[in-house]
Amino acid sequence: MNVLELTAILGTGACAAGFVGALTGLGGGVVIVPLLTLGLGVDIRYAVGTALVSVIATSSGAAAAYVKEGYSNLRLGIFFEVATTLGALGGAFVAAWAPTNAIAIVFGIALLSSAAFSWQRHPAAVRDAPPDPLAVRLKLTGTFPEDGGTRGYAPRKIPAAFGLMGVAGVLSGLLGIGSGAFKVLAMDRVMRLPYKVSTTTSNFMIGVTAAASAGIYVSRGYVDPGLAMPVVLGVLAGAALGTRVLATARAGALRLFFTAVIVLLALEMVVQGVKGAV
């Protein structure tokens, strides 16, 4: 495979990753890491470093559009970045000594867990419960566009969600996935936010989380410009397309798409990790 062919493969795969990341709030790392490790045989630490750079690009490409359209909750995202940033720094340090096959297995298990939780239905009684008093004091409530108007919402269980955000940060630094899966899980399942608010706020957050740990990977030489350049360009193009699709997509379809993508990739990563092939 020559340089031109490699660049074309990376650009195309990254475009798909950016599209998936913008639609689901995952950040694109769930596609980039398997593409590089399973498809191209890249060492998983270099794949994670490249994926973190792509996550920053996905967030940059999608977050601005979502904020302008009124979907993202900026105050909520900034509040939770305290937990995710600290977790991301810890995860990046752990990745330096963790075996690569162990990282691959943890990657797969983390995604399978998030898929299982994300597909569960919300109990209607819980949706109608009063907002968390802490959310009211911190002014974390908000509105988002729906059916030609706006719909209000109020986050719940703020302390539990804050703890999950810390776990999400650790996984971001360790796995390079932007931790969007667990951020969406915390906001969608624990806080009972509307699904589009969860995914768009996750897109806003993942860039900061990834940047916190990406610096550590850069300092250790795990970010290869030859891999990162076509990946970033492809991710930006895919993220721009994904933002256009999300505004008109149905939440149920997004949830199904989210689950299908991460289950397939998670199973492949676990299998290859067990075989020691990554």
Protein backbone atom coordinates (compact mmCIF):
# COMPACT_ATOMS: atom_id res chain seq x y z
CA MET A 1 0.00 0.00 0.00
CA ASN A 2 1.47 3.37 -1.04
CA VAL A 3 1.05 6.70 0.73
CA LEU A 4 -1.75 7.88 -1.56
CA GLU A 5 -3.80 4.73 -1.00
CA LEU A 6 -3.27 4.91 2.77
CA THR A 7 -4.31 8.57 2.84
CA ALA A 8 -7.46 7.80 0.82
CA ILE A 9 -8.43 4.95 3.16
CA LEU A 10 -7.81 7.07 6.24
CA GLY A 11 -9.73 10.03 4.84
CA THR A 12 -12.75 7.94 3.86
CA GLY A 13 -12.84 6.07 7.18
CA ALA A 14 -12.43 9.31 9.10
CA CYS A 15 -15.27 10.92 7.18
CA ALA A 16 -17.54 8.05 8.27
CA ALA A 17 -16.23 8.41 11.83
CA GLY A 18 -17.00 12.12 11.87
CA PHE A 19 -20.51 11.49 10.55
CA VAL A 20 -21.18 8.86 13.23
CA GLY A 21 -19.60 11.03 15.91
CA ALA A 22 -21.71 14.08 15.07
CA LEU A 23 -24.94 12.06 14.95
CA THR A 24 -24.44 10.09 18.14
CA GLY A 25 -22.17 12.24 20.31
CA LEU A 26 -19.51 9.50 20.38
CA GLY A 27 -16.73 11.63 18.95
CA GLY A 28 -15.63 9.36 16.10
CA GLY A 29 -12.99 7.52 18.12
CA VAL A 30 -15.12 4.38 18.17
CA VAL A 31 -14.57 4.11 14.42
CA ILE A 32 -11.02 5.49 14.16
CA VAL A 33 -9.44 3.14 16.72
CA PRO A 34 -10.80 -0.10 15.17
CA LEU A 35 -10.02 1.21 11.66
CA LEU A 36 -6.37 1.82 12.53
CA THR A 37 -5.78 -1.22 14.75
CA LEU A 38 -7.88 -3.90 13.07
CA GLY A 39 -7.88 -2.61 9.51
CA LEU A 40 -4.37 -1.18 9.16
CA GLY A 41 -2.39 -2.89 11.93
CA VAL A 42 -1.40 0.32 13.74
CA ASP A 43 -0.24 0.01 17.37
CA ILE A 44 -3.22 0.79 19.58
CA ARG A 45 -1.42 3.59 21.45
CA TYR A 46 -0.79 5.43 18.16
CA ALA A 47 -4.40 4.71 17.18
CA VAL A 48 -5.64 6.19 20.46
CA GLY A 49 -3.44 9.28 20.02
CA THR A 50 -4.75 9.82 16.49
CA ALA A 51 -8.33 9.20 17.64
CA LEU A 52 -8.03 11.85 20.36
CA VAL A 53 -6.93 14.39 17.75
CA SER A 54 -9.91 13.35 15.58
CA VAL A 55 -12.26 13.75 18.55
CA ILE A 56 -11.10 17.35 18.94
CA ALA A 57 -11.81 17.88 15.24
CA THR A 58 -15.26 16.27 15.52
CA SER A 59 -16.15 18.49 18.44
CA SER A 60 -14.92 21.59 16.62
CA GLY A 61 -16.87 20.69 13.50
CA ALA A 62 -20.16 19.78 15.19
CA ALA A 63 -20.36 21.75 18.43
CA ALA A 64 -20.53 25.22 16.87
CA ALA A 65 -23.50 24.25 14.69
CA TYR A 66 -25.37 22.61 17.58
CA VAL A 67 -24.83 25.59 19.86
CA LYS A 68 -26.11 27.95 17.17
CA GLU A 69 -29.22 25.81 16.63
CA GLY A 70 -29.97 25.76 20.37
CA TYR A 71 -29.53 22.04 21.10
CA SER A 72 -26.42 22.03 23.33
CA ASN A 73 -26.59 23.00 27.00
CA LEU A 74 -23.37 24.99 27.43
CA ARG A 75 -23.68 25.57 31.16
CA LEU A 76 -24.22 21.87 31.80
CA GLY A 77 -21.31 20.91 29.56
CA ILE A 78 -18.87 23.29 31.21
CA PHE A 79 -19.91 22.11 34.68
CA PHE A 80 -19.26 18.45 33.84
CA GLU A 81 -15.95 19.18 32.13
CA VAL A 82 -14.40 19.48 35.58
CA ALA A 83 -14.97 15.75 36.14
CA THR A 84 -14.15 14.59 32.61
CA THR A 85 -10.90 16.56 32.34
CA LEU A 86 -9.52 15.21 35.60
CA GLY A 87 -10.51 11.69 34.58
CA ALA A 88 -8.93 12.08 31.12
CA LEU A 89 -5.57 13.03 32.60
CA GLY A 90 -5.65 9.95 34.82
CA GLY A 91 -6.61 7.67 31.94
CA ALA A 92 -3.79 8.96 29.74
CA PHE A 93 -1.21 8.18 32.44
CA VAL A 94 -2.62 4.65 32.90
CA ALA A 95 -2.42 4.00 29.13
CA ALA A 96 1.37 4.35 29.25
CA TRP A 97 1.87 1.03 31.07
CA ALA A 98 -1.34 -0.91 30.31
CA PRO A 99 -0.92 -3.89 27.88
CA THR A 100 -2.34 -3.15 24.43
CA ASN A 101 -4.59 -6.23 24.35
CA ALA A 102 -6.03 -5.22 27.74
CA ILE A 103 -6.81 -1.74 26.38
CA ALA A 104 -8.60 -3.34 23.41
CA ILE A 105 -10.72 -5.57 25.67
CA VAL A 106 -11.63 -2.67 27.97
CA PHE A 107 -12.52 -0.65 24.86
CA GLY A 108 -14.97 -3.32 23.71
CA ILE A 109 -16.53 -3.93 27.13
CA ALA A 110 -17.02 -0.19 27.70
CA LEU A 111 -18.87 0.18 24.42
CA LEU A 112 -21.01 -2.93 24.95
CA SER A 113 -22.05 -1.66 28.38
CA SER A 114 -23.02 1.72 27.03
CA ALA A 115 -24.99 0.09 24.20
CA ALA A 116 -26.96 -2.08 26.64
CA PHE A 117 -27.92 0.89 28.81
CA SER A 118 -28.66 3.24 25.93
CA TRP A 119 -31.25 0.93 24.41
CA GLN A 120 -33.37 0.67 27.56
CA ARG A 121 -36.57 2.69 27.51
CA HIS A 122 -37.21 5.57 29.86
CA PRO A 123 -39.95 5.01 32.47
CA ALA A 124 -42.53 7.75 31.87
CA ALA A 125 -43.02 8.35 35.62
CA VAL A 126 -39.34 9.13 36.07
CA ARG A 127 -39.39 11.53 33.11
CA ASP A 128 -42.16 13.50 34.84
CA ALA A 129 -40.36 13.64 38.20
CA PRO A 130 -39.37 17.07 39.60
CA PRO A 131 -35.93 18.42 38.67
CA ASP A 132 -32.90 17.97 40.88
CA PRO A 133 -32.71 20.95 43.31
CA LEU A 134 -28.98 21.18 42.58
CA ALA A 135 -29.72 21.58 38.87
CA VAL A 136 -32.07 24.45 39.66
CA ARG A 137 -29.52 26.19 41.91
CA LEU A 138 -26.79 25.83 39.26
CA LYS A 139 -29.18 26.95 36.50
CA LEU A 140 -28.60 23.80 34.43
CA THR A 141 -32.13 23.66 33.02
CA GLY A 142 -32.71 24.54 29.38
CA THR A 143 -34.79 24.31 26.21
CA PHE A 144 -34.26 22.91 22.71
CA PRO A 145 -36.06 23.18 19.34
CA GLU A 146 -38.81 20.62 18.70
CA ASP A 147 -41.70 20.49 16.20
CA GLY A 148 -41.39 24.13 15.22
CA GLY A 149 -41.28 25.36 18.81
CA THR A 150 -39.22 24.79 21.94
CA ARG A 151 -39.38 22.19 24.71
CA GLY A 152 -38.05 22.68 28.22
CA TYR A 153 -36.18 20.11 30.31
CA ALA A 154 -34.55 19.85 33.73
CA PRO A 155 -31.58 17.55 34.55
CA ARG A 156 -31.90 15.05 37.41
CA LYS A 157 -29.43 13.16 39.66
CA ILE A 158 -26.58 15.63 39.19
CA PRO A 159 -24.15 13.99 41.71
CA ALA A 160 -24.52 10.52 40.13
CA ALA A 161 -24.04 11.97 36.65
CA PHE A 162 -20.93 13.88 37.82
CA GLY A 163 -19.37 10.59 38.96
CA LEU A 164 -20.16 8.93 35.62
CA MET A 165 -18.55 11.86 33.83
CA GLY A 166 -15.34 11.18 35.76
CA VAL A 167 -15.43 7.57 34.55
CA ALA A 168 -16.07 8.86 31.03
CA GLY A 169 -12.96 11.02 31.27
CA VAL A 170 -10.79 8.07 32.36
CA LEU A 171 -12.04 6.03 29.38
CA SER A 172 -11.34 8.94 27.03
CA GLY A 173 -7.73 9.21 28.11
CA LEU A 174 -7.24 5.44 28.10
CA LEU A 175 -9.11 4.50 24.92
CA GLY A 176 -9.20 7.63 22.74
CA ILE A 177 -12.95 7.41 22.24
CA GLY A 178 -13.84 10.89 23.46
CA SER A 179 -15.94 9.07 26.08
CA GLY A 180 -19.03 10.22 24.22
CA ALA A 181 -20.75 6.88 24.81
CA PHE A 182 -20.67 7.28 28.59
CA LYS A 183 -21.45 10.98 28.45
CA VAL A 184 -24.55 10.28 26.39
CA LEU A 185 -25.39 7.47 28.82
CA ALA A 186 -25.07 9.78 31.85
CA MET A 187 -27.22 12.49 30.31
CA ASP A 188 -29.75 10.26 28.59
CA ARG A 189 -30.25 7.50 31.17
CA VAL A 190 -29.30 9.09 34.49
CA MET A 191 -30.22 12.75 34.03
CA ARG A 192 -33.23 12.03 31.77
CA LEU A 193 -32.33 14.67 29.21
CA PRO A 194 -33.87 14.56 25.71
CA TYR A 195 -31.73 12.39 23.44
CA LYS A 196 -30.80 15.17 21.03
CA VAL A 197 -29.71 17.38 23.93
CA SER A 198 -27.59 14.51 25.28
CA THR A 199 -25.79 13.86 21.99
CA THR A 200 -25.22 17.52 21.12
CA THR A 201 -23.99 18.47 24.58
CA SER A 202 -21.68 15.44 24.45
CA ASN A 203 -20.28 16.74 21.17
CA PHE A 204 -19.58 20.06 22.84
CA MET A 205 -17.78 18.36 25.75
CA ILE A 206 -15.69 15.71 24.02
CA GLY A 207 -13.21 18.14 22.46
CA VAL A 208 -12.15 19.56 25.83
CA THR A 209 -11.93 16.08 27.36
CA ALA A 210 -9.82 14.79 24.46
CA ALA A 211 -7.54 17.83 24.52
CA ALA A 212 -6.73 17.19 28.18
CA SER A 213 -5.28 13.76 27.43
CA ALA A 214 -4.06 14.36 23.85
CA GLY A 215 -1.22 16.53 25.13
CA ILE A 216 0.17 13.57 27.07
CA TYR A 217 0.07 11.35 23.97
CA VAL A 218 1.81 14.07 21.92
CA SER A 219 4.57 14.42 24.52
CA ARG A 220 5.18 10.64 24.40
CA GLY A 221 5.32 10.55 20.60
CA TYR A 222 2.07 8.65 20.09
CA VAL A 223 0.58 11.14 17.59
CA ASP A 224 1.91 10.55 14.06
CA PRO A 225 1.25 13.55 11.76
CA GLY A 226 1.06 11.21 8.75
CA LEU A 227 -1.91 9.45 10.34
CA ALA A 228 -3.46 12.47 12.04
CA MET A 229 -3.63 14.82 9.02
CA PRO A 230 -5.98 12.81 6.74
CA VAL A 231 -7.98 11.67 9.76
CA VAL A 232 -8.65 15.22 10.95
CA LEU A 233 -9.65 16.43 7.46
CA GLY A 234 -11.97 13.47 6.96
CA VAL A 235 -13.54 13.82 10.39
CA LEU A 236 -14.28 17.51 9.86
CA ALA A 237 -16.06 16.74 6.57
CA GLY A 238 -18.09 13.93 8.14
CA ALA A 239 -19.00 16.00 11.20
CA ALA A 240 -20.29 18.83 9.01
CA LEU A 241 -22.58 16.38 7.21
CA GLY A 242 -23.73 14.76 10.45
CA THR A 243 -24.84 18.06 11.95
CA ARG A 244 -27.16 18.65 9.00
CA VAL A 245 -28.72 15.21 9.32
CA LEU A 246 -29.28 15.30 13.09
CA ALA A 247 -31.64 18.29 13.04
CA THR A 248 -34.24 16.31 11.09
CA ALA A 249 -33.49 12.78 12.37
CA ARG A 250 -35.84 10.94 14.71
CA ALA A 251 -34.53 10.15 18.22
CA GLY A 252 -35.51 6.47 17.95
CA ALA A 253 -33.57 6.07 14.72
CA LEU A 254 -30.53 7.77 16.27
CA ARG A 255 -30.68 5.43 19.25
CA LEU A 256 -30.82 2.36 16.98
CA PHE A 257 -27.95 3.64 14.86
CA PHE A 258 -25.89 4.44 17.97
CA THR A 259 -26.39 0.93 19.36
CA ALA A 260 -25.72 -0.95 16.12
CA VAL A 261 -22.44 0.85 15.41
CA ILE A 262 -20.88 0.42 18.83
CA VAL A 263 -21.99 -3.21 19.29
CA LEU A 264 -20.35 -4.31 16.04
CA LEU A 265 -17.11 -2.48 16.74
CA ALA A 266 -17.03 -3.52 20.40
CA LEU A 267 -17.36 -7.23 19.61
CA GLU A 268 -14.56 -7.07 17.07
CA MET A 269 -12.24 -5.26 19.50
CA VAL A 270 -12.89 -7.79 22.28
CA VAL A 271 -12.24 -10.73 19.96
CA GLN A 272 -9.01 -9.25 18.66
CA GLY A 273 -7.90 -8.27 22.16
CA VAL A 274 -8.45 -11.81 23.45
CA LYS A 275 -6.46 -13.17 20.50
CA GLY A 276 -3.67 -10.70 21.24
CA ALA A 277 -3.92 -9.38 17.69
CA VAL A 278 -3.80 -5.68 18.59
